[in-house]
Amino acid sequence: MAANMHALRHTYVTNLIEWGYSEKFVQDQVGHAYASTTAIYTSLGDDYKTRMVTRALARIYGGNDADNR
């Protein structure tokens, strides 16, 4: 993938989401009027998705979630 402004924008939004910034903050950062527009820019990594599912299951089933710091 060639590095261009569009690719950098996608990366910026994805990183902010993965680093735990609120969706509203990210939406404001990129100037979107609607959260649905911001959602288009996210392409979350498999490791992030796995961590989130693991945390959700730990909350549901009361497991030990070492990554939840």
N, C-alpha and C. Protein backbone atom coordinates (compact mmCIF):
# COMPACT_ATOMS: atom_id res chain seq x y z
N MET A 1 0.85 -1.17 0.00
CA MET A 1 0.00 0.00 0.00
C MET A 1 0.89 1.23 0.00
N ALA A 2 0.61 2.11 -0.90
CA ALA A 2 1.37 3.35 -0.97
C ALA A 2 0.94 4.27 0.16
N ALA A 3 1.92 4.96 0.74
CA ALA A 3 1.61 5.91 1.81
C ALA A 3 1.08 7.19 1.19
N ASN A 4 -0.17 7.47 1.47
CA ASN A 4 -0.78 8.71 1.01
C ASN A 4 -1.61 9.27 2.15
N MET A 5 -2.17 10.44 1.97
CA MET A 5 -2.93 11.08 3.04
C MET A 5 -4.13 10.25 3.47
N HIS A 6 -4.77 9.60 2.53
CA HIS A 6 -5.94 8.78 2.86
C HIS A 6 -5.54 7.60 3.74
N ALA A 7 -4.45 6.94 3.38
CA ALA A 7 -3.96 5.80 4.18
C ALA A 7 -3.53 6.27 5.57
N LEU A 8 -2.89 7.42 5.65
CA LEU A 8 -2.47 7.95 6.95
C LEU A 8 -3.68 8.28 7.82
N ARG A 9 -4.73 8.79 7.21
CA ARG A 9 -5.95 9.12 7.95
C ARG A 9 -6.58 7.84 8.53
N HIS A 10 -6.64 6.79 7.72
CA HIS A 10 -7.16 5.50 8.19
C HIS A 10 -6.32 4.99 9.36
N THR A 11 -5.02 5.06 9.23
CA THR A 11 -4.11 4.59 10.28
C THR A 11 -4.28 5.39 11.55
N TYR A 12 -4.39 6.70 11.42
CA TYR A 12 -4.57 7.59 12.58
C TYR A 12 -5.84 7.22 13.35
N VAL A 13 -6.95 7.08 12.64
CA VAL A 13 -8.22 6.75 13.27
C VAL A 13 -8.14 5.38 13.94
N THR A 14 -7.61 4.39 13.24
CA THR A 14 -7.49 3.05 13.79
C THR A 14 -6.63 3.05 15.05
N ASN A 15 -5.50 3.73 15.01
CA ASN A 15 -4.63 3.77 16.19
C ASN A 15 -5.31 4.43 17.37
N LEU A 16 -6.00 5.52 17.17
CA LEU A 16 -6.70 6.18 18.27
C LEU A 16 -7.71 5.24 18.92
N ILE A 17 -8.48 4.52 18.10
CA ILE A 17 -9.46 3.57 18.63
C ILE A 17 -8.76 2.46 19.40
N GLU A 18 -7.71 1.88 18.81
CA GLU A 18 -7.00 0.77 19.47
C GLU A 18 -6.30 1.22 20.74
N TRP A 19 -5.90 2.47 20.83
CA TRP A 19 -5.23 2.98 22.03
C TRP A 19 -6.21 3.38 23.11
N GLY A 20 -7.51 3.24 22.84
CA GLY A 20 -8.51 3.46 23.87
C GLY A 20 -9.18 4.82 23.91
N TYR A 21 -8.94 5.66 22.92
CA TYR A 21 -9.62 6.96 22.89
C TYR A 21 -11.09 6.74 22.59
N SER A 22 -11.94 7.60 23.12
CA SER A 22 -13.38 7.46 22.92
C SER A 22 -13.73 7.71 21.45
N GLU A 23 -14.82 7.08 21.03
CA GLU A 23 -15.26 7.26 19.65
C GLU A 23 -15.59 8.72 19.36
N LYS A 24 -16.17 9.42 20.34
CA LYS A 24 -16.50 10.83 20.16
C LYS A 24 -15.24 11.67 19.97
N PHE A 25 -14.19 11.39 20.76
CA PHE A 25 -12.93 12.10 20.60
C PHE A 25 -12.37 11.90 19.20
N VAL A 26 -12.36 10.64 18.74
CA VAL A 26 -11.82 10.33 17.41
C VAL A 26 -12.65 11.03 16.34
N GLN A 27 -13.95 10.98 16.49
CA GLN A 27 -14.84 11.65 15.53
C GLN A 27 -14.53 13.13 15.45
N ASP A 28 -14.33 13.77 16.60
CA ASP A 28 -14.00 15.20 16.62
C ASP A 28 -12.62 15.47 16.01
N GLN A 29 -11.67 14.59 16.25
CA GLN A 29 -10.32 14.77 15.73
C GLN A 29 -10.29 14.82 14.20
N VAL A 30 -11.11 14.00 13.57
CA VAL A 30 -11.10 13.95 12.11
C VAL A 30 -12.20 14.78 11.47
N GLY A 31 -13.02 15.45 12.32
CA GLY A 31 -14.01 16.38 11.81
C GLY A 31 -15.23 15.76 11.17
N HIS A 32 -15.61 14.58 11.61
CA HIS A 32 -16.80 13.94 11.06
C HIS A 32 -18.04 14.37 11.82
N ALA A 33 -19.12 14.62 11.10
CA ALA A 33 -20.39 14.98 11.73
C ALA A 33 -21.09 13.75 12.30
N TYR A 34 -20.84 12.59 11.71
CA TYR A 34 -21.54 11.37 12.10
C TYR A 34 -20.54 10.27 12.48
N ALA A 35 -20.87 9.54 13.55
CA ALA A 35 -20.02 8.43 13.99
C ALA A 35 -19.91 7.35 12.92
N SER A 36 -20.97 7.18 12.13
CA SER A 36 -20.95 6.16 11.08
C SER A 36 -19.87 6.46 10.04
N THR A 37 -19.58 7.71 9.81
CA THR A 37 -18.50 8.07 8.88
C THR A 37 -17.15 7.68 9.47
N THR A 38 -16.96 7.94 10.76
CA THR A 38 -15.71 7.58 11.43
C THR A 38 -15.52 6.07 11.40
N ALA A 39 -16.60 5.32 11.58
CA ALA A 39 -16.51 3.85 11.59
C ALA A 39 -15.96 3.31 10.28
N ILE A 40 -16.22 3.98 9.19
CA ILE A 40 -15.71 3.55 7.89
C ILE A 40 -14.18 3.57 7.87
N TYR A 41 -13.59 4.48 8.62
CA TYR A 41 -12.14 4.65 8.62
C TYR A 41 -11.41 3.65 9.49
N THR A 42 -12.11 2.87 10.27
CA THR A 42 -11.42 1.94 11.17
C THR A 42 -11.21 0.59 10.50
N SER A 43 -10.05 0.04 10.72
CA SER A 43 -9.75 -1.32 10.27
C SER A 43 -8.93 -1.96 11.38
N LEU A 44 -9.63 -2.39 12.40
CA LEU A 44 -8.97 -2.88 13.61
C LEU A 44 -8.24 -4.18 13.35
N GLY A 45 -7.08 -4.33 13.99
CA GLY A 45 -6.26 -5.52 13.82
C GLY A 45 -6.83 -6.71 14.55
N ASP A 46 -6.44 -7.90 14.11
CA ASP A 46 -6.91 -9.13 14.73
C ASP A 46 -6.52 -9.22 16.20
N ASP A 47 -5.33 -8.76 16.56
CA ASP A 47 -4.90 -8.82 17.95
C ASP A 47 -5.79 -7.95 18.83
N TYR A 48 -6.19 -6.79 18.34
CA TYR A 48 -7.08 -5.91 19.09
C TYR A 48 -8.45 -6.58 19.26
N LYS A 49 -8.98 -7.14 18.19
CA LYS A 49 -10.27 -7.81 18.26
C LYS A 49 -10.23 -8.96 19.26
N THR A 50 -9.16 -9.73 19.24
CA THR A 50 -9.02 -10.85 20.17
C THR A 50 -8.99 -10.36 21.61
N ARG A 51 -8.24 -9.29 21.89
CA ARG A 51 -8.19 -8.73 23.24
C ARG A 51 -9.56 -8.28 23.71
N MET A 52 -10.32 -7.62 22.83
CA MET A 52 -11.64 -7.13 23.21
C MET A 52 -12.61 -8.27 23.48
N VAL A 53 -12.58 -9.31 22.67
CA VAL A 53 -13.45 -10.47 22.90
C VAL A 53 -13.06 -11.16 24.20
N THR A 54 -11.76 -11.31 24.45
CA THR A 54 -11.29 -11.93 25.68
C THR A 54 -11.75 -11.14 26.90
N ARG A 55 -11.65 -9.82 26.84
CA ARG A 55 -12.10 -8.98 27.95
C ARG A 55 -13.61 -9.11 28.16
N ALA A 56 -14.36 -9.11 27.08
CA ALA A 56 -15.82 -9.22 27.20
C ALA A 56 -16.20 -10.55 27.83
N LEU A 57 -15.57 -11.63 27.39
CA LEU A 57 -15.87 -12.94 27.95
C LEU A 57 -15.46 -13.02 29.42
N ALA A 58 -14.36 -12.38 29.77
CA ALA A 58 -13.92 -12.37 31.16
C ALA A 58 -14.94 -11.63 32.03
N ARG A 59 -15.50 -10.55 31.52
CA ARG A 59 -16.54 -9.82 32.28
C ARG A 59 -17.79 -10.67 32.44
N ILE A 60 -18.16 -11.40 31.39
CA ILE A 60 -19.37 -12.22 31.43
C ILE A 60 -19.18 -13.41 32.36
N TYR A 61 -18.05 -14.10 32.23
CA TYR A 61 -17.84 -15.34 32.94
C TYR A 61 -16.95 -15.19 34.17
N GLY A 62 -16.50 -13.98 34.47
CA GLY A 62 -15.72 -13.75 35.67
C GLY A 62 -14.30 -14.29 35.63
N GLY A 63 -13.73 -14.41 34.44
CA GLY A 63 -12.37 -14.90 34.31
C GLY A 63 -11.35 -13.86 34.69
N ASN A 64 -10.10 -14.27 34.77
CA ASN A 64 -9.00 -13.37 35.08
C ASN A 64 -8.50 -12.75 33.78
N ASP A 65 -8.61 -11.44 33.69
CA ASP A 65 -8.21 -10.72 32.48
C ASP A 65 -6.95 -9.93 32.76
N ALA A 66 -5.79 -10.53 32.51
CA ALA A 66 -4.51 -9.89 32.81
C ALA A 66 -4.25 -8.68 31.92
N ASP A 67 -4.85 -8.64 30.72
CA ASP A 67 -4.61 -7.52 29.80
C ASP A 67 -5.42 -6.27 30.18
N ASN A 68 -6.34 -6.40 31.10
CA ASN A 68 -7.21 -5.27 31.45
C ASN A 68 -6.52 -4.39 32.48
N ARG A 69 -5.60 -3.56 32.04
CA ARG A 69 -4.83 -2.69 32.94
C ARG A 69 -5.15 -1.26 32.68
